[in-house]
Amino acid sequence: MTYVFSYILVLISFLPGGSDHALYLSVLEVDITNEVCDIQVKVFEDDMRDALRHFRGIRFDTLSLRDSAVIQAYFDKHIKLESLGQPIRPHLQSIQLLGDSYQIHLRHAGPITLTSIYADYLMELFGDQQNILHLRRNGDKIFEVFKKGACVWQSIE
């Protein structure tokens, strides 16, 4: 999945218009093991900065862990996980700029039985934003595309 996202980023970099792009896409990778729930959010750099500026009214040049309180608050609002009806709050671990996209790592330590994921980040800015979910749990791989108005995945177990 990382390769697909990288390929899309390369293609978009050749579009006219510089940093403005016609595709509003991100990847949300959720990897659940017996010990931990790791989340990787991969978003375009300019989109993430625009979202945080809209969220807090602060302009960011380059994000880092020094901005962790704002980043954590943003994702607390826009990514929600539930385990058997109980909210799960993953904590920001790292943020890394790779080319023109950020890879943001969140983690919840401890076992969970994931029953739902809500992810509407960036949708407050871009009506055609799509967040691609890649969920790995119990040996299963699940893919889902979240769009505005349809940004919830629920387990049928």
Protein backbone atom coordinates (compact mmCIF):
# COMPACT_ATOMS: atom_id res chain seq x y z
CA MET A 1 0.00 0.00 0.00
CA THR A 2 2.93 2.32 0.71
CA TYR A 3 4.08 1.82 -2.87
CA VAL A 4 0.66 2.76 -4.26
CA PHE A 5 0.59 5.97 -2.22
CA SER A 6 4.16 6.83 -3.27
CA TYR A 7 3.29 6.19 -6.91
CA ILE A 8 0.26 8.49 -6.67
CA LEU A 9 2.41 11.19 -5.04
CA VAL A 10 4.92 10.98 -7.89
CA LEU A 11 2.18 11.23 -10.51
CA ILE A 12 0.63 14.23 -8.82
CA SER A 13 3.97 16.01 -8.61
CA PHE A 14 3.94 16.23 -12.42
CA LEU A 15 0.53 17.91 -12.55
CA PRO A 16 0.55 21.59 -13.49
CA GLY A 17 -0.09 24.09 -10.74
CA GLY A 18 2.75 23.37 -8.30
CA SER A 19 1.56 22.33 -4.85
CA ASP A 20 -2.14 22.62 -5.72
CA HIS A 21 -3.32 19.19 -6.72
CA ALA A 22 -6.55 17.84 -8.09
CA LEU A 23 -6.52 14.64 -6.05
CA TYR A 24 -7.34 14.73 -2.35
CA LEU A 25 -6.22 11.37 -1.08
CA SER A 26 -4.64 9.94 2.05
CA VAL A 27 -3.85 6.53 3.43
CA LEU A 28 -4.82 5.33 6.90
CA GLU A 29 -3.02 2.12 7.85
CA VAL A 30 -4.26 0.41 11.01
CA ASP A 31 -2.27 -2.60 12.20
CA ILE A 32 -3.62 -4.50 15.19
CA THR A 33 -1.67 -7.18 17.03
CA ASN A 34 -2.22 -8.77 20.43
CA GLU A 35 -0.05 -6.09 22.01
CA VAL A 36 -0.72 -2.83 20.20
CA CYS A 37 -2.74 -0.87 17.64
CA ASP A 38 -0.44 1.08 15.32
CA ILE A 39 -1.83 3.74 13.00
CA GLN A 40 0.02 5.39 10.14
CA VAL A 41 -1.60 8.41 8.50
CA LYS A 42 -0.06 9.42 5.17
CA VAL A 43 -1.16 12.83 3.92
CA PHE A 44 0.10 15.50 1.59
CA GLU A 45 2.17 18.12 3.38
CA ASP A 46 0.18 21.15 2.20
CA ASP A 47 -3.17 19.51 3.03
CA MET A 48 -2.07 18.70 6.60
CA ARG A 49 -0.76 22.22 7.17
CA ASP A 50 -4.02 23.69 5.76
CA ALA A 51 -6.07 21.43 8.04
CA LEU A 52 -4.15 22.48 11.15
CA ARG A 53 -4.36 26.16 10.17
CA HIS A 54 -8.12 25.78 9.74
CA PHE A 55 -8.35 23.80 13.02
CA ARG A 56 -6.37 26.17 15.25
CA GLY A 57 -5.82 29.32 13.21
CA ILE A 58 -2.04 28.86 13.37
CA ARG A 59 0.21 28.80 10.32
CA PHE A 60 2.74 25.94 10.26
CA ASP A 61 5.77 25.82 7.98
CA THR A 62 7.01 22.31 8.71
CA LEU A 63 5.40 20.07 11.31
CA SER A 64 7.38 18.28 13.99
CA LEU A 65 6.79 16.75 17.40
CA ARG A 66 7.02 20.23 18.92
CA ASP A 67 3.55 20.69 17.38
CA SER A 68 2.32 17.46 18.97
CA ALA A 69 -0.46 19.01 21.08
CA VAL A 70 -2.16 20.53 18.02
CA ILE A 71 -1.63 17.40 15.89
CA GLN A 72 -2.95 15.15 18.69
CA ALA A 73 -6.02 17.36 19.19
CA TYR A 74 -6.74 17.37 15.45
CA PHE A 75 -6.61 13.59 15.16
CA ASP A 76 -8.57 13.14 18.42
CA LYS A 77 -11.38 14.98 16.66
CA HIS A 78 -11.06 13.33 13.25
CA ILE A 79 -10.01 9.71 13.92
CA LYS A 80 -12.09 7.73 16.38
CA LEU A 81 -11.64 4.07 17.22
CA GLU A 82 -13.89 1.88 19.32
CA SER A 83 -13.22 -1.41 21.02
CA LEU A 84 -16.45 -3.15 21.99
CA GLY A 85 -18.23 0.21 22.28
CA GLN A 86 -15.47 1.88 24.28
CA PRO A 87 -13.49 4.77 22.74
CA ILE A 88 -9.80 4.16 22.07
CA ARG A 89 -7.44 7.15 21.95
CA PRO A 90 -4.22 6.49 20.06
CA HIS A 91 -1.31 8.76 21.00
CA LEU A 92 1.01 10.56 18.62
CA GLN A 93 4.37 8.80 18.37
CA SER A 94 6.11 10.50 15.46
CA ILE A 95 5.70 12.72 12.43
CA GLN A 96 8.04 12.53 9.48
CA LEU A 97 8.16 14.52 6.26
CA LEU A 98 8.90 12.21 3.30
CA GLY A 99 9.07 14.17 0.06
CA ASP A 100 5.83 16.13 -0.14
CA SER A 101 3.86 14.02 2.34
CA TYR A 102 3.76 13.47 6.08
CA GLN A 103 3.77 10.06 7.71
CA ILE A 104 2.16 10.42 11.12
CA HIS A 105 2.38 7.52 13.57
CA LEU A 106 -0.19 7.08 16.34
CA ARG A 107 -0.33 4.16 18.78
CA HIS A 108 -2.60 2.61 21.37
CA ALA A 109 -0.77 0.20 23.66
CA GLY A 110 -2.63 -2.87 24.85
CA PRO A 111 -4.97 -5.39 23.30
CA ILE A 112 -8.19 -4.21 21.66
CA THR A 113 -11.09 -5.74 19.81
CA LEU A 114 -11.63 -3.12 17.15
CA THR A 115 -15.31 -2.66 16.34
CA SER A 116 -15.33 0.65 14.46
CA ILE A 117 -13.15 3.30 12.82
CA TYR A 118 -14.28 6.83 12.01
CA ALA A 119 -11.88 8.91 9.92
CA ASP A 120 -12.99 12.22 8.42
CA TYR A 121 -9.70 14.09 8.62
CA LEU A 122 -9.20 16.68 5.84
CA MET A 123 -12.86 16.33 4.82
CA GLU A 124 -13.68 19.62 6.55
CA LEU A 125 -11.55 21.31 3.87
CA PHE A 126 -11.93 19.16 0.78
CA GLY A 127 -15.34 17.87 -0.26
CA ASP A 128 -13.80 15.24 -2.52
CA GLN A 129 -11.21 14.03 0.03
CA GLN A 130 -10.82 10.24 0.14
CA ASN A 131 -9.09 8.42 2.98
CA ILE A 132 -8.11 4.88 2.07
CA LEU A 133 -8.22 2.50 5.03
CA HIS A 134 -5.86 -0.46 5.06
CA LEU A 135 -6.69 -2.51 8.17
CA ARG A 136 -4.65 -5.52 9.24
CA ARG A 137 -5.92 -7.60 12.15
CA ASN A 138 -5.95 -11.29 13.06
CA GLY A 139 -4.25 -12.12 9.76
CA ASP A 140 -7.00 -10.41 7.76
CA LYS A 141 -6.52 -7.42 5.45
CA ILE A 142 -9.44 -5.07 4.91
CA PHE A 143 -9.56 -2.14 2.50
CA GLU A 144 -12.16 0.62 2.62
CA VAL A 145 -12.49 4.06 1.05
CA PHE A 146 -13.84 6.79 3.30
CA LYS A 147 -15.56 9.76 1.66
CA LYS A 148 -17.44 12.70 3.07
CA GLY A 149 -20.66 11.37 4.57
CA ALA A 150 -19.35 7.78 4.47
CA CYS A 151 -16.36 7.73 6.78
CA VAL A 152 -17.11 4.87 9.17
CA TRP A 153 -16.01 1.25 9.08
CA GLN A 154 -17.70 -1.21 11.44
CA SER A 155 -16.86 -4.79 12.21
CA ILE A 156 -19.63 -7.30 11.57
CA GLU A 157 -18.30 -9.79 14.13
